N, C-alpha and C. Protein backbone atom coordinates (compact mmCIF):
# COMPACT_ATOMS: atom_id res chain seq x y z
N MET A 1 -2.10 10.28 -12.50
CA MET A 1 -2.37 8.93 -12.87
C MET A 1 -1.12 8.15 -12.68
N LYS A 2 -1.45 6.79 -12.48
CA LYS A 2 -0.45 5.85 -12.31
C LYS A 2 -0.23 5.00 -13.62
N TYR A 3 1.02 4.59 -13.89
CA TYR A 3 1.43 3.94 -15.05
C TYR A 3 2.25 2.67 -14.70
N LEU A 4 2.24 1.70 -15.47
CA LEU A 4 3.13 0.53 -15.15
C LEU A 4 4.51 0.77 -15.96
N VAL A 5 5.61 0.49 -15.27
CA VAL A 5 6.85 0.68 -15.83
C VAL A 5 7.13 -0.57 -16.68
N GLU A 6 7.32 -0.40 -17.84
CA GLU A 6 7.63 -1.48 -18.81
C GLU A 6 9.21 -1.84 -18.94
N THR A 7 10.10 -0.77 -18.95
CA THR A 7 11.57 -0.88 -19.04
C THR A 7 12.11 -0.04 -17.91
N THR A 8 13.08 -0.63 -17.19
CA THR A 8 13.75 0.13 -16.07
C THR A 8 14.40 1.43 -16.74
N PHE A 9 14.19 2.57 -15.98
CA PHE A 9 14.80 3.82 -16.47
C PHE A 9 14.95 4.76 -15.23
N ARG A 10 15.68 5.74 -15.34
CA ARG A 10 16.03 6.88 -14.40
C ARG A 10 15.28 8.00 -14.96
N ASP A 11 14.40 8.59 -14.05
CA ASP A 11 13.71 9.74 -14.48
C ASP A 11 14.63 11.03 -14.45
N LYS A 12 14.81 11.73 -15.62
CA LYS A 12 15.76 12.78 -15.67
C LYS A 12 15.38 14.04 -14.95
N GLU A 13 14.11 14.14 -14.61
CA GLU A 13 13.69 15.12 -13.79
C GLU A 13 13.83 15.01 -12.36
N THR A 14 13.71 13.83 -11.86
CA THR A 14 13.80 13.53 -10.38
C THR A 14 14.99 12.71 -9.98
N LEU A 15 15.57 12.19 -10.98
CA LEU A 15 16.67 11.30 -10.84
C LEU A 15 16.36 9.96 -10.08
N LYS A 16 15.06 9.66 -9.87
CA LYS A 16 14.63 8.51 -9.27
C LYS A 16 14.69 7.36 -10.30
N ARG A 17 15.15 6.17 -9.85
CA ARG A 17 15.15 5.02 -10.78
C ARG A 17 13.85 4.25 -10.65
N TYR A 18 13.26 3.85 -11.67
CA TYR A 18 12.11 3.04 -11.73
C TYR A 18 12.46 1.63 -12.37
N LEU A 19 12.20 0.63 -11.56
CA LEU A 19 12.33 -0.72 -12.20
C LEU A 19 11.13 -1.32 -12.95
N LYS A 20 11.39 -2.18 -13.82
CA LYS A 20 10.34 -2.78 -14.51
C LYS A 20 9.33 -3.41 -13.59
N GLY A 21 8.11 -3.17 -13.74
CA GLY A 21 7.16 -3.70 -12.82
C GLY A 21 6.56 -2.74 -11.75
N ASN A 22 7.37 -1.60 -11.48
CA ASN A 22 7.03 -0.53 -10.58
C ASN A 22 5.94 0.29 -11.24
N THR A 23 5.46 1.31 -10.34
CA THR A 23 4.47 2.16 -10.87
C THR A 23 5.21 3.58 -11.05
N PHE A 24 4.71 4.36 -11.96
CA PHE A 24 5.22 5.66 -12.17
C PHE A 24 4.01 6.55 -12.03
N GLU A 25 3.96 7.65 -11.32
CA GLU A 25 2.91 8.46 -11.01
C GLU A 25 3.12 9.89 -11.55
N SER A 26 2.30 10.45 -12.28
CA SER A 26 2.59 11.86 -12.81
C SER A 26 1.19 12.33 -13.54
N THR A 27 1.13 13.65 -13.45
CA THR A 27 -0.05 14.33 -14.04
C THR A 27 0.37 15.09 -15.28
N ASP A 28 1.74 15.16 -15.61
CA ASP A 28 2.22 15.84 -16.75
C ASP A 28 2.04 14.92 -18.02
N LYS A 29 1.01 15.24 -18.78
CA LYS A 29 0.77 14.42 -19.92
C LYS A 29 1.82 14.43 -21.01
N ASP A 30 2.57 15.46 -21.23
CA ASP A 30 3.68 15.40 -22.23
C ASP A 30 4.83 14.58 -21.73
N ARG A 31 5.14 14.48 -20.46
CA ARG A 31 6.10 13.55 -19.96
C ARG A 31 5.63 12.25 -20.04
N ILE A 32 4.37 11.89 -19.75
CA ILE A 32 3.94 10.48 -19.96
C ILE A 32 3.88 10.15 -21.29
N GLU A 33 3.49 10.96 -22.28
CA GLU A 33 3.58 10.57 -23.69
C GLU A 33 4.98 10.38 -24.13
N THR A 34 5.95 11.11 -23.61
CA THR A 34 7.36 10.96 -23.99
C THR A 34 7.75 9.56 -23.44
N LEU A 35 7.56 9.27 -22.30
CA LEU A 35 7.96 8.00 -21.67
C LEU A 35 7.26 6.79 -22.28
N GLN A 36 6.01 6.91 -22.71
CA GLN A 36 5.38 5.80 -23.29
C GLN A 36 5.90 5.64 -24.84
N SER A 37 6.14 6.73 -25.46
CA SER A 37 6.73 6.52 -26.86
C SER A 37 8.04 5.96 -26.70
N GLY A 38 8.78 6.12 -25.75
CA GLY A 38 10.25 5.51 -25.62
C GLY A 38 10.11 4.11 -25.11
N GLY A 39 8.87 3.59 -24.82
CA GLY A 39 8.82 2.22 -24.35
C GLY A 39 8.90 2.00 -22.91
N TYR A 40 9.15 3.18 -22.07
CA TYR A 40 9.38 2.96 -20.70
C TYR A 40 8.10 2.68 -19.78
N LEU A 41 6.91 3.33 -20.29
CA LEU A 41 5.83 3.19 -19.55
C LEU A 41 4.65 2.44 -20.35
N GLY A 42 3.85 1.72 -19.67
CA GLY A 42 2.67 1.10 -20.32
C GLY A 42 1.41 1.92 -20.03
N LYS A 43 0.39 1.16 -20.11
CA LYS A 43 -0.94 1.76 -19.92
C LYS A 43 -1.20 2.22 -18.39
N THR A 44 -2.38 2.98 -18.30
CA THR A 44 -2.67 3.51 -17.00
C THR A 44 -3.16 2.23 -16.09
N ILE A 45 -2.68 2.25 -14.83
CA ILE A 45 -3.11 1.30 -13.82
C ILE A 45 -4.33 1.80 -13.32
N GLU A 46 -5.42 0.90 -13.27
CA GLU A 46 -6.68 1.24 -12.64
C GLU A 46 -6.57 1.14 -11.14
N GLU A 47 -7.00 2.15 -10.47
CA GLU A 47 -7.07 2.04 -9.07
C GLU A 47 -8.35 1.50 -8.56
N LYS A 48 -8.33 0.59 -7.66
CA LYS A 48 -9.42 0.10 -7.05
C LYS A 48 -10.11 0.90 -6.14
N ALA A 49 -11.45 1.02 -6.16
CA ALA A 49 -12.11 1.86 -5.34
C ALA A 49 -12.09 1.38 -3.89
N LYS A 50 -11.83 2.42 -3.04
CA LYS A 50 -11.93 1.93 -1.64
C LYS A 50 -13.24 2.10 -0.96
N GLY A 51 -13.43 1.30 0.04
CA GLY A 51 -14.73 1.29 0.66
C GLY A 51 -15.67 0.16 0.14
N GLY A 52 -16.85 0.20 0.35
CA GLY A 52 -17.77 -0.86 -0.16
C GLY A 52 -17.87 -1.93 0.80
N ARG A 53 -18.16 -3.11 0.21
CA ARG A 53 -18.37 -4.35 1.00
C ARG A 53 -17.13 -5.31 0.81
N GLY A 54 -16.00 -4.90 1.20
CA GLY A 54 -14.85 -5.71 1.17
C GLY A 54 -14.68 -6.59 2.35
N ARG A 55 -13.80 -7.66 2.16
CA ARG A 55 -13.55 -8.46 3.27
C ARG A 55 -12.69 -7.77 4.44
N SER A 56 -13.03 -8.14 5.58
CA SER A 56 -12.40 -7.42 6.78
C SER A 56 -11.21 -8.37 7.05
N SER A 57 -10.17 -7.93 7.78
CA SER A 57 -9.04 -8.60 8.21
C SER A 57 -9.31 -9.66 9.31
N GLY A 58 -10.32 -9.38 10.01
CA GLY A 58 -10.63 -10.23 11.25
C GLY A 58 -11.84 -11.18 10.83
N LYS A 59 -12.02 -12.18 11.63
CA LYS A 59 -13.14 -13.05 11.38
C LYS A 59 -14.02 -12.99 12.70
N GLY A 60 -15.28 -13.03 12.41
CA GLY A 60 -16.22 -12.97 13.57
C GLY A 60 -16.38 -11.76 14.28
N LYS A 61 -16.60 -11.77 15.42
CA LYS A 61 -16.80 -10.66 16.25
C LYS A 61 -15.52 -9.99 16.67
N SER A 62 -15.55 -8.67 17.02
CA SER A 62 -14.44 -7.96 17.51
C SER A 62 -14.01 -8.46 18.87
N ASP A 63 -12.60 -8.24 19.12
CA ASP A 63 -12.01 -8.69 20.43
C ASP A 63 -12.30 -7.59 21.39
N ASP A 64 -12.69 -6.39 20.98
CA ASP A 64 -12.94 -5.35 21.90
C ASP A 64 -14.09 -5.65 22.90
N PRO A 65 -13.87 -5.65 24.21
CA PRO A 65 -14.91 -5.91 25.09
C PRO A 65 -15.98 -4.91 25.32
N GLY A 66 -15.80 -3.71 24.47
CA GLY A 66 -16.85 -2.65 24.58
C GLY A 66 -16.45 -1.64 25.57
N GLY A 67 -15.26 -1.51 25.98
CA GLY A 67 -14.86 -0.44 26.87
C GLY A 67 -14.93 -0.89 28.43
N ASP A 68 -15.39 -2.11 28.69
CA ASP A 68 -15.57 -2.40 30.22
C ASP A 68 -14.21 -2.70 30.84
N VAL A 69 -13.18 -3.01 30.07
CA VAL A 69 -11.86 -3.38 30.63
C VAL A 69 -10.98 -2.22 30.19
N ASN A 70 -10.32 -1.68 31.26
CA ASN A 70 -9.38 -0.48 30.83
C ASN A 70 -8.11 -1.13 30.15
N GLU A 71 -7.50 -0.26 29.42
CA GLU A 71 -6.34 -0.68 28.63
C GLU A 71 -5.16 -1.13 29.52
N SER A 72 -4.84 -0.55 30.74
CA SER A 72 -3.73 -0.85 31.48
C SER A 72 -3.94 -2.27 32.04
N SER A 73 -5.09 -2.68 32.55
CA SER A 73 -5.17 -3.98 33.04
C SER A 73 -5.20 -5.03 31.90
N LYS A 74 -5.72 -4.75 30.84
CA LYS A 74 -5.54 -5.70 29.67
C LYS A 74 -4.19 -5.85 29.26
N ALA A 75 -3.30 -4.76 29.31
CA ALA A 75 -1.85 -4.90 28.95
C ALA A 75 -1.14 -5.70 30.03
N GLU A 76 -1.47 -5.50 31.25
CA GLU A 76 -0.82 -6.22 32.35
C GLU A 76 -1.05 -7.76 32.19
N SER A 77 -2.33 -8.17 31.83
CA SER A 77 -2.52 -9.67 31.78
C SER A 77 -1.82 -10.27 30.56
N GLU A 78 -1.48 -9.30 29.53
CA GLU A 78 -0.75 -9.83 28.35
C GLU A 78 0.80 -10.08 28.67
N ASP A 79 1.27 -9.31 29.55
CA ASP A 79 2.67 -9.24 29.84
C ASP A 79 3.07 -10.21 31.03
N THR A 80 2.13 -10.91 31.40
CA THR A 80 2.59 -11.83 32.61
C THR A 80 3.24 -12.94 32.06
N PRO A 81 4.48 -13.22 32.63
CA PRO A 81 5.23 -14.42 32.23
C PRO A 81 4.64 -15.74 32.64
N ALA A 82 4.95 -16.81 31.90
CA ALA A 82 4.43 -18.17 32.09
C ALA A 82 5.18 -18.68 33.25
N LYS A 83 4.54 -19.47 34.15
CA LYS A 83 5.19 -20.26 35.38
C LYS A 83 6.16 -21.27 34.75
N GLU A 84 7.32 -21.44 35.41
CA GLU A 84 8.25 -22.37 35.09
C GLU A 84 8.06 -23.59 36.00
N GLU A 85 8.15 -24.86 35.56
CA GLU A 85 8.05 -26.02 36.39
C GLU A 85 9.33 -26.60 36.68
C-alpha cells in the first residue's frame, strides 16, 4: 500500500530519505503503524484504476497511415533540411 509522507524522515531499514509530500510504499503493517504513530505517515493513498474511458493524449485520428508508408521513407522525409535562400 502507498502512504503520504507527513514529516520528512530517513527509513532506518532502507536508509532512504522520504520528504514531506512523497509517497512511502510498504506491505509491513507493523512498520506502517509505527511510522503513523510517530507522525511520519498519513493515510493510505488511493490508486486510480487504470483503463476505462480516459482521455487520450492525442486529438482526433491517428497519424499512422495504416502501414502504407514504410518507416525508413517516413524518417527520411522528416530529416530533410530546409532550403536556405
